[in-house]
Amino acid sequence: MTHIQISPGAVAPGDGRSVPERSGPGDGPPPNGAKGTGRGENLAGYLFMSPWIAGFLFLIAGPMVFSLYLSFTEYNLFEAPRWIGLRNFTDMFADPRWRQSVKVTSWYVLIGTPVKLAAALAVAMLLAQKRWGQSFYRAAFYAPSLIGASVSAAIVWRALFSDDAIVDRTQKVLGFEAGGWIGDPEMIIYALIALTVWQFGAPMVIFLAGLKQVPQELYEAAEMDGAGRRRKFFHITLPMISPVLFFNVLLETIHSFQIFGSAYIVSNGSCGPADATLVYTCYLYEQGFVNSRMGFASAMGWLLLVAVGLVTAVLFRSQKRWVHYEEGGR
């Protein structure tokens, strides 16, 4: 018997009718309303996004653009802005109190951030060991992060370090010279740094999560090779948690540049004595809302944004040298 194979679209022998082509699952016109349904879904998505877009435009992008304009003007909230070009920036660089604010802020960032992260890592390593009451201690150490930046905590901190307060009396009992940290221009910055270090709970939790991911087999193999605690810490722990360390360094550095409330309250609103706690944001607040120099304050704000951006870029650039990832990349 001879089999005749007929291709789709060909004419069948004997009746002159063509064989219809078979349609695949994606052939043929789309169902009615399918195109409209896609447009409706897109419209619904834009409607859900519209509150965020409106908030971004009117509460973030718009004020930022207006602030950039004000940084080139003389504006005191009561008169129309007057264009003065780069005078705000030249006056800023010539201002000795502005240079003092940069000095105090840099000192605070360079001292407070490493000490805070060192304390957070040390406590996290203790909590990573399986001991009784671990959950209680974890909550107790994390609690200051919830209240540390509040106004009430800063007021209590000011009371603790004032003249003849508990810290002052403790120094006298231990035989150290006392005189009150808050009233001493050389010591008040360290009281502020101590308040910052006290809030190490947030980076501690992040460090603890990173330590939990380090394989115990690495420590066991190192112990078999005779490695001590120091070698295990520098050759296993630090490289394995370096991405977590980088994340904490980045966040805490940015946060340190933005300090305001604690410095303002601990110094009782004077950012002193002798401008000892005149951090950058304190001086920005003073110029903008006390002296009504909104143009000058806007210029200070944009310069701070550029400085933080540069520091962030340097940190991201440096991670190629010391941050190690599991897949071996850097």
Protein backbone atom coordinates (compact mmCIF):
# COMPACT_ATOMS: atom_id res chain seq x y z
CA MET A 1 0.00 0.00 0.00
CA THR A 2 1.30 3.42 -0.93
CA HIS A 3 1.07 6.19 1.64
CA ILE A 4 0.59 9.70 0.33
CA GLN A 5 1.82 12.49 2.61
CA ILE A 6 -0.04 15.74 2.18
CA SER A 7 1.59 18.93 3.48
CA PRO A 8 -0.55 21.58 5.14
CA GLY A 9 -2.04 24.03 2.65
CA ALA A 10 -1.77 21.56 -0.26
CA VAL A 11 -4.74 20.47 -2.38
CA ALA A 12 -6.06 17.03 -1.51
CA PRO A 13 -6.30 14.72 -4.52
CA GLY A 14 -9.75 14.00 -5.84
CA ASP A 15 -11.83 16.74 -4.19
CA GLY A 16 -9.86 19.91 -4.89
CA ARG A 17 -10.04 21.00 -1.23
CA SER A 18 -6.96 22.30 0.52
CA VAL A 19 -5.81 20.81 3.80
CA PRO A 20 -5.98 23.45 6.58
CA GLU A 21 -2.79 24.30 8.43
CA ARG A 22 -2.50 23.22 12.03
CA SER A 23 -2.31 26.04 14.50
CA GLY A 24 0.07 26.00 17.45
CA PRO A 25 -0.67 27.18 20.94
CA GLY A 26 0.68 30.67 20.19
CA ASP A 27 -0.93 31.10 16.76
CA GLY A 28 -4.03 33.02 15.97
CA PRO A 29 -5.36 36.31 17.23
CA PRO A 30 -5.28 37.00 20.99
CA PRO A 31 -8.49 36.48 22.94
CA ASN A 32 -10.88 39.38 23.08
CA GLY A 33 -9.92 41.86 25.81
CA ALA A 34 -6.40 40.44 26.38
CA LYS A 35 -4.70 43.61 25.16
CA GLY A 36 -7.02 45.75 27.19
CA THR A 37 -6.40 43.63 30.26
CA GLY A 38 -2.64 44.27 30.00
CA ARG A 39 -3.22 48.00 29.79
CA GLY A 40 -5.56 47.81 32.76
CA GLU A 41 -2.95 46.00 34.83
CA ASN A 42 -0.34 48.62 33.94
CA LEU A 43 -2.73 51.41 34.87
CA ALA A 44 -3.50 49.72 38.19
CA GLY A 45 0.22 49.41 38.89
CA TYR A 46 0.79 53.11 38.22
CA LEU A 47 -2.14 53.97 40.48
CA PHE A 48 -0.66 51.93 43.32
CA MET A 49 2.72 53.63 42.77
CA SER A 50 1.28 57.14 42.52
CA PRO A 51 1.32 57.91 46.30
CA TRP A 52 5.02 57.05 46.51
CA ILE A 53 5.81 58.96 43.30
CA ALA A 54 3.90 62.01 44.55
CA GLY A 55 5.63 61.82 47.92
CA PHE A 56 9.04 61.51 46.28
CA LEU A 57 8.44 64.46 43.96
CA PHE A 58 6.92 66.83 46.50
CA LEU A 59 8.74 65.77 49.70
CA ILE A 60 12.20 64.73 48.46
CA ALA A 61 13.08 65.70 44.88
CA GLY A 62 11.32 69.08 44.93
CA PRO A 63 12.84 70.30 48.22
CA MET A 64 16.28 69.06 47.13
CA VAL A 65 16.15 71.06 43.90
CA PHE A 66 14.88 74.13 45.78
CA SER A 67 17.63 73.70 48.38
CA LEU A 68 20.25 73.54 45.62
CA TYR A 69 18.90 76.82 44.26
CA LEU A 70 18.92 78.41 47.73
CA SER A 71 22.57 77.47 48.24
CA PHE A 72 23.45 80.10 45.63
CA THR A 73 21.22 82.78 47.15
CA GLU A 74 20.91 84.97 50.21
CA TYR A 75 17.66 83.96 51.89
CA ASN A 76 16.42 84.66 55.40
CA LEU A 77 12.83 83.31 55.31
CA PHE A 78 11.37 86.84 55.34
CA GLU A 79 12.57 88.24 52.02
CA ALA A 80 12.75 86.85 48.51
CA PRO A 81 15.93 84.89 47.70
CA ARG A 82 18.67 87.03 46.14
CA TRP A 83 21.19 85.37 43.82
CA ILE A 84 24.77 85.73 45.11
CA GLY A 85 26.55 82.92 43.25
CA LEU A 86 29.28 81.11 45.16
CA ARG A 87 29.50 83.59 48.05
CA ASN A 88 27.94 81.16 50.54
CA PHE A 89 30.65 78.62 49.79
CA THR A 90 33.50 81.14 49.96
CA ASP A 91 32.15 82.53 53.25
CA MET A 92 31.87 78.98 54.54
CA PHE A 93 35.50 78.10 53.85
CA ALA A 94 36.61 81.36 55.50
CA ASP A 95 34.47 80.78 58.61
CA PRO A 96 36.55 79.48 61.57
CA ARG A 97 33.48 78.00 63.27
CA TRP A 98 32.68 76.02 60.10
CA ARG A 99 36.22 74.62 60.17
CA GLN A 100 35.72 73.78 63.85
CA SER A 101 32.53 71.87 62.99
CA VAL A 102 34.40 69.88 60.34
CA LYS A 103 37.15 69.10 62.85
CA VAL A 104 34.73 67.97 65.58
CA THR A 105 32.67 65.86 63.15
CA SER A 106 35.77 64.20 61.69
CA TRP A 107 37.05 63.39 65.18
CA TYR A 108 33.68 61.98 66.16
CA VAL A 109 33.50 59.78 63.05
CA LEU A 110 37.09 58.53 63.28
CA ILE A 111 36.86 57.67 66.99
CA GLY A 112 33.21 56.81 67.58
CA THR A 113 32.62 54.52 64.59
CA PRO A 114 35.56 52.10 65.13
CA VAL A 115 35.01 51.90 68.90
CA LYS A 116 31.29 51.26 68.45
CA LEU A 117 31.87 48.52 65.88
CA ALA A 118 34.62 46.94 68.00
CA ALA A 119 32.28 46.78 70.98
CA ALA A 120 29.49 45.37 68.81
CA LEU A 121 31.75 42.66 67.37
CA ALA A 122 33.16 41.70 70.78
CA VAL A 123 29.71 41.28 72.33
CA ALA A 124 28.44 39.46 69.23
CA MET A 125 31.28 36.93 69.50
CA LEU A 126 30.39 36.31 73.14
CA LEU A 127 26.71 35.86 72.30
CA ALA A 128 27.56 33.53 69.41
CA GLN A 129 28.74 30.97 71.95
CA LYS A 130 26.01 28.70 73.24
CA ARG A 131 25.58 29.79 76.83
CA TRP A 132 22.71 29.94 79.29
CA GLY A 133 20.54 33.07 79.04
CA GLN A 134 21.70 33.96 75.54
CA SER A 135 18.31 35.35 74.49
CA PHE A 136 18.10 37.56 77.58
CA TYR A 137 21.55 39.05 77.06
CA ARG A 138 20.88 39.59 73.37
CA ALA A 139 17.73 41.57 74.17
CA ALA A 140 19.46 43.49 76.97
CA PHE A 141 22.35 44.57 74.75
CA TYR A 142 20.03 45.49 71.89
CA ALA A 143 17.68 47.61 74.04
CA PRO A 144 19.87 50.77 74.05
CA SER A 145 19.62 50.90 70.25
CA LEU A 146 15.87 51.34 70.59
CA ILE A 147 16.11 54.27 73.01
CA GLY A 148 19.67 55.50 72.57
CA ALA A 149 18.90 58.22 70.03
CA SER A 150 15.85 59.51 71.90
CA VAL A 151 15.67 62.87 73.62
CA SER A 152 15.06 61.30 77.03
CA ALA A 153 18.19 59.12 76.78
CA ALA A 154 20.34 62.12 75.85
CA ILE A 155 18.95 64.07 78.82
CA VAL A 156 19.75 61.17 81.17
CA TRP A 157 23.23 60.95 79.66
CA ARG A 158 23.79 64.66 80.29
CA ALA A 159 22.72 64.18 83.92
CA LEU A 160 25.09 61.22 84.36
CA PHE A 161 28.13 63.16 83.13
CA SER A 162 27.35 66.52 84.76
CA ASP A 163 29.29 68.01 87.68
CA ASP A 164 29.04 65.95 90.88
CA ALA A 165 26.93 63.31 89.11
CA ILE A 166 27.37 59.55 89.33
CA VAL A 167 30.25 59.40 86.82
CA ASP A 168 32.01 62.27 88.56
CA ARG A 169 31.63 60.65 91.98
CA THR A 170 32.84 57.30 90.66
CA GLN A 171 36.00 58.97 89.36
CA LYS A 172 36.62 60.48 92.79
CA VAL A 173 36.17 57.11 94.52
CA LEU A 174 38.66 55.50 92.12
CA GLY A 175 41.16 58.27 92.76
CA PHE A 176 40.92 60.03 89.40
CA GLU A 177 40.64 63.76 88.93
CA ALA A 178 36.99 64.77 88.56
CA GLY A 179 35.29 67.92 87.39
CA GLY A 180 32.38 66.94 85.22
CA TRP A 181 32.62 65.82 81.61
CA ILE A 182 29.85 68.08 80.32
CA GLY A 183 31.54 71.28 81.50
CA ASP A 184 35.01 70.29 80.29
CA PRO A 185 35.73 71.29 76.65
CA GLU A 186 38.25 68.45 76.34
CA MET A 187 36.04 65.72 77.80
CA ILE A 188 32.52 66.46 76.57
CA ILE A 189 33.23 65.01 73.12
CA TYR A 190 34.15 61.71 74.78
CA ALA A 191 30.88 61.74 76.71
CA LEU A 192 29.14 62.09 73.35
CA ILE A 193 31.20 59.24 71.88
CA ALA A 194 30.35 57.09 74.91
CA LEU A 195 26.65 57.68 74.25
CA THR A 196 27.16 56.55 70.66
CA VAL A 197 29.10 53.43 71.64
CA TRP A 198 26.34 52.56 74.13
CA GLN A 199 24.00 52.14 71.15
CA PHE A 200 25.94 49.24 69.59
CA GLY A 201 22.93 46.89 69.58
CA ALA A 202 22.01 47.23 65.90
CA PRO A 203 25.46 46.41 64.46
CA MET A 204 25.81 43.71 67.13
CA VAL A 205 22.76 41.87 65.79
CA ILE A 206 24.12 42.10 62.24
CA PHE A 207 27.51 40.79 63.36
CA LEU A 208 25.80 37.96 65.23
CA ALA A 209 23.93 36.92 62.08
CA GLY A 210 27.21 36.90 60.15
CA LEU A 211 29.01 34.85 62.80
CA LYS A 212 26.26 32.22 62.67
CA GLN A 213 27.07 31.68 58.98
CA VAL A 214 30.74 30.83 59.52
CA PRO A 215 31.19 27.04 59.06
CA GLN A 216 32.40 25.36 62.26
CA GLU A 217 34.45 22.94 60.15
CA LEU A 218 36.91 25.75 59.44
CA TYR A 219 37.58 26.27 63.14
CA GLU A 220 37.92 22.52 63.72
CA ALA A 221 40.43 22.19 60.88
CA ALA A 222 42.39 25.18 62.20
CA GLU A 223 42.52 23.65 65.70
CA MET A 224 43.89 20.43 64.23
CA ASP A 225 46.66 22.49 62.63
CA GLY A 226 47.46 24.06 65.99
CA ALA A 227 45.93 27.50 65.38
CA GLY A 228 45.12 29.57 68.45
CA ARG A 229 42.28 32.00 69.05
CA ARG A 230 44.15 34.93 67.56
CA ARG A 231 44.96 33.15 64.30
CA LYS A 232 41.42 31.81 64.00
CA PHE A 233 40.02 35.31 64.49
CA PHE A 234 42.24 37.03 61.92
CA HIS A 235 42.41 34.20 59.36
CA ILE A 236 38.89 32.75 59.59
CA THR A 237 36.43 34.96 61.43
CA LEU A 238 37.32 38.35 59.97
CA PRO A 239 37.57 37.19 56.32
CA MET A 240 34.31 35.25 56.59
CA ILE A 241 32.34 38.14 58.09
CA SER A 242 34.05 40.86 56.01
CA PRO A 243 30.88 41.55 53.94
CA VAL A 244 28.94 42.06 57.17
CA LEU A 245 31.75 44.22 58.54
CA PHE A 246 31.72 46.35 55.39
CA PHE A 247 27.95 46.81 55.66
CA ASN A 248 28.23 47.95 59.29
CA VAL A 249 31.15 50.29 58.56
CA LEU A 250 29.21 51.89 55.71
CA LEU A 251 26.01 52.42 57.69
CA GLU A 252 27.69 53.63 60.88
CA THR A 253 29.95 56.05 59.00
CA ILE A 254 27.01 57.67 57.23
CA HIS A 255 25.05 57.77 60.48
CA SER A 256 27.96 59.40 62.33
CA PHE A 257 28.15 62.24 59.82
CA GLN A 258 24.47 62.96 60.45
CA ILE A 259 24.59 63.16 64.26
CA PHE A 260 22.59 66.07 65.66
CA GLY A 261 20.10 65.31 68.44
CA SER A 262 22.54 63.74 70.90
CA ALA A 263 25.15 66.49 70.48
CA TYR A 264 22.55 69.24 70.76
CA ILE A 265 20.90 67.87 73.90
CA VAL A 266 24.02 66.71 75.74
CA SER A 267 25.48 70.22 75.34
CA ASN A 268 22.15 71.77 76.43
CA GLY A 269 21.64 73.38 73.02
CA SER A 270 24.94 75.27 73.04
CA CYS A 271 27.07 72.77 71.08
CA GLY A 272 29.77 73.61 73.60
CA PRO A 273 31.46 74.51 75.80
CA ALA A 274 33.88 76.38 73.53
CA ASP A 275 32.29 74.70 70.49
CA ALA A 276 33.65 71.36 71.74
CA THR A 277 30.59 69.49 70.41
CA LEU A 278 29.93 71.77 67.45
CA VAL A 279 29.28 68.95 65.00
CA TYR A 280 28.50 69.85 61.40
CA THR A 281 24.74 69.46 61.68
CA CYS A 282 24.64 71.57 64.87
CA TYR A 283 26.28 74.46 63.04
CA LEU A 284 23.97 73.93 60.07
CA TYR A 285 20.96 74.14 62.39
CA GLU A 286 22.34 77.27 64.06
CA GLN A 287 22.90 79.06 60.77
CA GLY A 288 19.58 78.05 59.25
CA PHE A 289 17.08 78.26 62.10
CA VAL A 290 18.75 80.56 64.65
CA ASN A 291 20.47 83.07 62.37
CA SER A 292 17.91 82.65 59.52
CA ARG A 293 20.67 82.13 56.94
CA MET A 294 18.83 79.52 54.93
CA GLY A 295 21.00 79.99 51.86
CA PHE A 296 24.17 79.43 53.88
CA ALA A 297 22.62 76.40 55.60
CA SER A 298 21.56 74.95 52.23
CA ALA A 299 25.12 75.30 50.97
CA MET A 300 26.36 73.50 54.08
CA GLY A 301 23.83 70.71 53.51
CA TRP A 302 24.92 70.15 49.92
CA LEU A 303 28.57 70.16 50.90
CA LEU A 304 27.80 67.51 53.54
CA LEU A 305 26.01 65.43 50.89
CA VAL A 306 29.06 65.62 48.62
CA ALA A 307 31.41 64.71 51.48
CA VAL A 308 29.34 61.70 52.53
CA GLY A 309 29.10 60.62 48.89
CA LEU A 310 32.88 60.79 48.49
CA VAL A 311 33.50 58.84 51.70
CA THR A 312 30.96 56.23 50.58
CA ALA A 313 32.67 55.94 47.19
CA VAL A 314 36.05 55.46 48.89
CA LEU A 315 34.61 52.72 51.10
CA PHE A 316 33.11 50.91 48.11
CA ARG A 317 36.42 51.25 46.28
CA SER A 318 38.38 49.88 49.22
CA GLN A 319 36.21 46.79 49.63
CA LYS A 320 38.00 45.15 46.71
CA ARG A 321 41.07 44.83 48.94
CA TRP A 322 39.61 43.44 52.15
CA VAL A 323 36.05 42.18 51.60
CA HIS A 324 35.86 38.47 50.72
CA TYR A 325 32.76 36.75 49.38
CA GLU A 326 31.91 33.06 49.44
CA GLU A 327 32.30 32.55 45.71
CA GLY A 328 35.83 33.88 45.93
CA GLY A 329 35.12 37.25 44.36
CA ARG A 330 35.91 40.61 45.83
